[in-house]
Protein backbone atom coordinates (compact mmCIF):
# COMPACT_ATOMS: atom_id res chain seq x y z
CA MET A 1 -2.79 -29.28 -11.35
CA SER A 2 -3.06 -25.71 -9.38
CA LEU A 3 -2.49 -22.20 -10.77
CA ALA A 4 -0.73 -19.65 -8.97
CA LEU A 5 0.44 -16.36 -9.50
CA ILE A 6 3.47 -14.63 -7.56
CA TRP A 7 4.50 -11.64 -7.30
CA ALA A 8 6.13 -7.97 -5.19
CA GLU A 9 4.49 -4.75 -5.29
CA ALA A 10 5.01 -1.26 -3.93
CA ARG A 11 2.72 1.25 -3.08
CA GLY A 12 0.29 1.88 -6.78
CA GLY A 13 1.03 -1.65 -7.17
CA VAL A 14 4.61 -1.04 -9.31
CA ILE A 15 6.25 -3.98 -10.07
CA GLY A 16 8.47 -2.45 -11.94
CA TYR A 17 10.64 -0.32 -14.18
CA ASP A 18 12.52 -0.09 -17.46
CA GLY A 19 13.04 -3.62 -17.25
CA THR A 20 14.36 -4.42 -13.09
CA MET A 21 12.58 -4.48 -9.81
CA PRO A 22 13.15 -1.07 -8.52
CA TRP A 23 14.74 -2.41 -5.15
CA HIS A 24 16.40 -5.27 -3.72
CA LEU A 25 14.35 -6.98 -0.95
CA PRO A 26 16.17 -10.60 -0.27
CA GLU A 27 14.18 -11.41 1.83
CA ASP A 28 10.98 -11.94 -1.35
CA LEU A 29 13.33 -13.50 -3.44
CA ALA A 30 14.03 -16.53 -0.65
CA HIS A 31 10.30 -16.32 -0.11
CA PHE A 32 9.88 -16.90 -4.21
CA ARG A 33 12.85 -19.30 -4.32
CA GLU A 34 10.90 -21.68 -0.83
CA LEU A 35 8.02 -21.39 -3.24
CA THR A 36 8.54 -22.20 -6.65
CA THR A 37 11.36 -24.55 -6.10
CA GLY A 38 10.29 -28.12 -7.63
CA SER A 39 7.62 -26.58 -9.54
CA ALA A 40 7.90 -25.49 -12.99
CA VAL A 41 7.21 -21.08 -13.88
CA VAL A 42 5.61 -19.50 -16.29
CA MET A 43 7.04 -16.55 -17.34
CA GLY A 44 6.99 -13.27 -20.33
CA ARG A 45 9.90 -13.15 -22.52
CA ARG A 46 10.82 -9.43 -21.17
CA THR A 47 10.48 -10.98 -18.24
CA TRP A 48 13.04 -13.65 -19.09
CA ASP A 49 15.61 -11.33 -20.49
CA SER A 50 14.97 -9.07 -17.31
CA LEU A 51 17.01 -12.24 -14.71
CA PRO A 52 20.61 -12.10 -15.11
CA GLU A 53 22.39 -14.41 -16.91
CA ARG A 54 23.20 -15.67 -14.10
CA PHE A 55 19.99 -17.53 -13.10
CA ARG A 56 18.88 -18.75 -15.97
CA PRO A 57 16.93 -20.74 -16.34
CA LEU A 58 15.83 -20.91 -12.64
CA PRO A 59 17.35 -23.71 -10.95
CA GLY A 60 15.76 -26.30 -9.80
CA ARG A 61 12.31 -24.81 -11.67
CA ARG A 62 11.08 -26.14 -15.02
CA ASN A 63 10.96 -22.44 -17.22
CA LEU A 64 8.72 -22.27 -19.29
CA VAL A 65 8.97 -18.44 -21.34
CA LEU A 66 5.66 -17.06 -23.15
CA SER A 67 6.47 -15.73 -26.87
CA ARG A 68 5.19 -14.07 -29.75
CA ASP A 69 7.98 -14.94 -31.74
CA ARG A 70 7.91 -18.27 -32.83
CA THR A 71 11.37 -18.33 -33.90
CA TRP A 72 12.52 -17.10 -30.01
CA SER A 73 14.52 -19.55 -27.92
CA SER A 74 16.77 -19.63 -24.91
CA ALA A 75 19.47 -21.84 -23.57
CA GLY A 76 17.19 -23.09 -20.49
CA ALA A 77 13.99 -22.08 -21.69
CA GLU A 78 10.62 -24.44 -22.95
CA PRO A 79 9.87 -21.73 -25.35
CA LEU A 80 5.75 -21.42 -25.44
CA HIS A 81 3.17 -18.84 -27.72
CA ASP A 82 -0.03 -19.48 -26.39
CA LEU A 83 -0.93 -19.68 -22.26
CA GLY A 84 -4.46 -21.36 -23.26
CA ALA A 85 -2.04 -24.22 -24.62
CA VAL A 86 -0.15 -23.71 -21.66
CA LEU A 87 -3.02 -24.02 -19.32
CA HIS A 88 -4.87 -26.84 -21.37
CA ASP A 89 -0.94 -29.28 -21.96
CA PHE A 90 -0.02 -28.83 -17.69
CA GLN A 91 -3.24 -30.51 -16.68
CA ALA A 92 -0.52 -33.45 -14.19
CA PRO A 93 -2.71 -34.45 -11.08
CA GLY A 94 -1.15 -32.04 -7.76
CA ALA A 95 1.38 -30.25 -10.11
CA ALA A 96 1.79 -26.39 -9.19
CA LEU A 97 2.73 -23.85 -11.99
CA TRP A 98 3.15 -20.34 -10.87
CA VAL A 99 2.89 -17.68 -13.18
CA ILE A 100 5.94 -15.08 -12.22
CA GLY A 101 5.08 -12.29 -14.83
CA GLY A 102 5.43 -9.84 -15.94
CA GLY A 103 2.19 -7.55 -15.65
CA GLU A 104 0.38 -8.83 -18.63
CA LEU A 105 0.54 -12.26 -17.90
CA TYR A 106 -0.55 -12.26 -14.46
CA ARG A 107 -3.24 -10.12 -15.97
CA LEU A 108 -4.36 -13.55 -18.27
CA ALA A 109 -4.08 -15.70 -15.52
CA MET A 110 -5.93 -14.10 -14.08
CA LEU A 111 -8.84 -14.59 -15.55
CA SER A 112 -8.31 -18.45 -15.79
CA PRO A 113 -10.99 -19.98 -13.58
CA LEU A 114 -8.02 -22.49 -12.71
CA ALA A 115 -6.42 -19.52 -10.93
CA THR A 116 -6.88 -20.55 -7.53
CA ARG A 117 -3.99 -18.59 -5.76
CA LEU A 118 -1.75 -15.31 -5.31
CA GLU A 119 1.11 -14.36 -2.85
CA VAL A 120 1.82 -11.18 -2.30
CA THR A 121 4.44 -9.36 -0.98
CA GLU A 122 3.38 -6.22 -0.35
CA LEU A 123 5.73 -3.33 -0.04
CA ASP A 124 5.56 -0.13 2.18
CA LEU A 125 7.66 1.79 -0.95
CA GLY A 126 6.94 4.90 -3.36
CA VAL A 127 8.60 3.65 -5.91
CA LYS A 128 8.56 4.87 -10.37
CA GLY A 129 6.96 1.99 -11.71
CA ASP A 130 6.27 0.95 -15.63
CA THR A 131 4.52 -2.28 -15.05
CA PHE A 132 1.98 -2.71 -13.00
CA ALA A 133 0.44 -5.59 -11.23
CA PRO A 134 -3.66 -6.13 -11.84
CA PRO A 135 -5.95 -5.42 -8.63
CA VAL A 136 -7.52 -8.15 -6.57
CA ASP A 137 -10.29 -8.11 -6.94
CA ALA A 138 -13.63 -9.00 -4.61
CA SER A 139 -12.95 -12.27 -6.33
CA TRP A 140 -10.00 -13.26 -4.56
CA ASP A 141 -10.30 -13.59 -1.08
CA ARG A 142 -7.27 -12.23 2.17
CA VAL A 143 -5.86 -16.06 3.88
CA ALA A 144 -3.35 -15.05 5.13
CA SER A 145 -0.93 -12.22 5.52
CA THR A 146 2.32 -11.32 8.32
CA PRO A 147 2.53 -8.72 9.67
CA TRP A 148 4.29 -5.55 8.76
CA LEU A 149 8.87 -7.01 8.66
CA GLU A 150 11.48 -4.83 8.00
CA SER A 151 14.02 -6.32 5.33
CA SER A 152 17.85 -6.06 6.40
CA THR A 153 17.41 -3.50 3.27
CA GLY A 154 15.43 -1.24 5.84
CA ILE A 155 12.08 -1.65 3.60
CA ARG A 156 8.45 -2.42 5.89
CA TYR A 157 7.43 -5.31 3.70
CA ARG A 158 4.47 -8.42 4.30
CA PHE A 159 3.70 -11.06 2.57
CA VAL A 160 -0.36 -11.67 1.74
CA THR A 161 -2.22 -14.95 0.07
CA TYR A 162 -5.57 -15.00 -1.66
CA ALA A 163 -7.62 -18.11 -2.63
CA ARG A 164 -10.52 -18.07 -4.50
């Protein structure tokens, strides 16, 4: 099993504001879909709630949702209550498990020795935020990066891959 994390961040590590991503970057959404389709994704309950209803569950993926509320459920979601149990139980050889948010779940997942890949879309954009990506520390090596590109919405961005 491989554990990978994927997010988009604006300057200062902003990944969200008031339960939403404070930008629209169709190229990042396509990149996300390309990398995660056919895999399981794990997200926090607030991330699940932030997805537009028409995209819940994310199609072509197993949708695992962590919630502290043991009574929580939602159509198309597999409710779970502990990241450690998810990582222990999800040991299918060759299977990919993608952590897709939010900030608290990213921080917890990065502590796991099973986390070996980060896919980060960096946006050259200053926005107000209340949710932030965890810092990528020296235990991660930058292994690939695209040049800066310009979105159809006018935002400069690049895709960066880290591994350990």
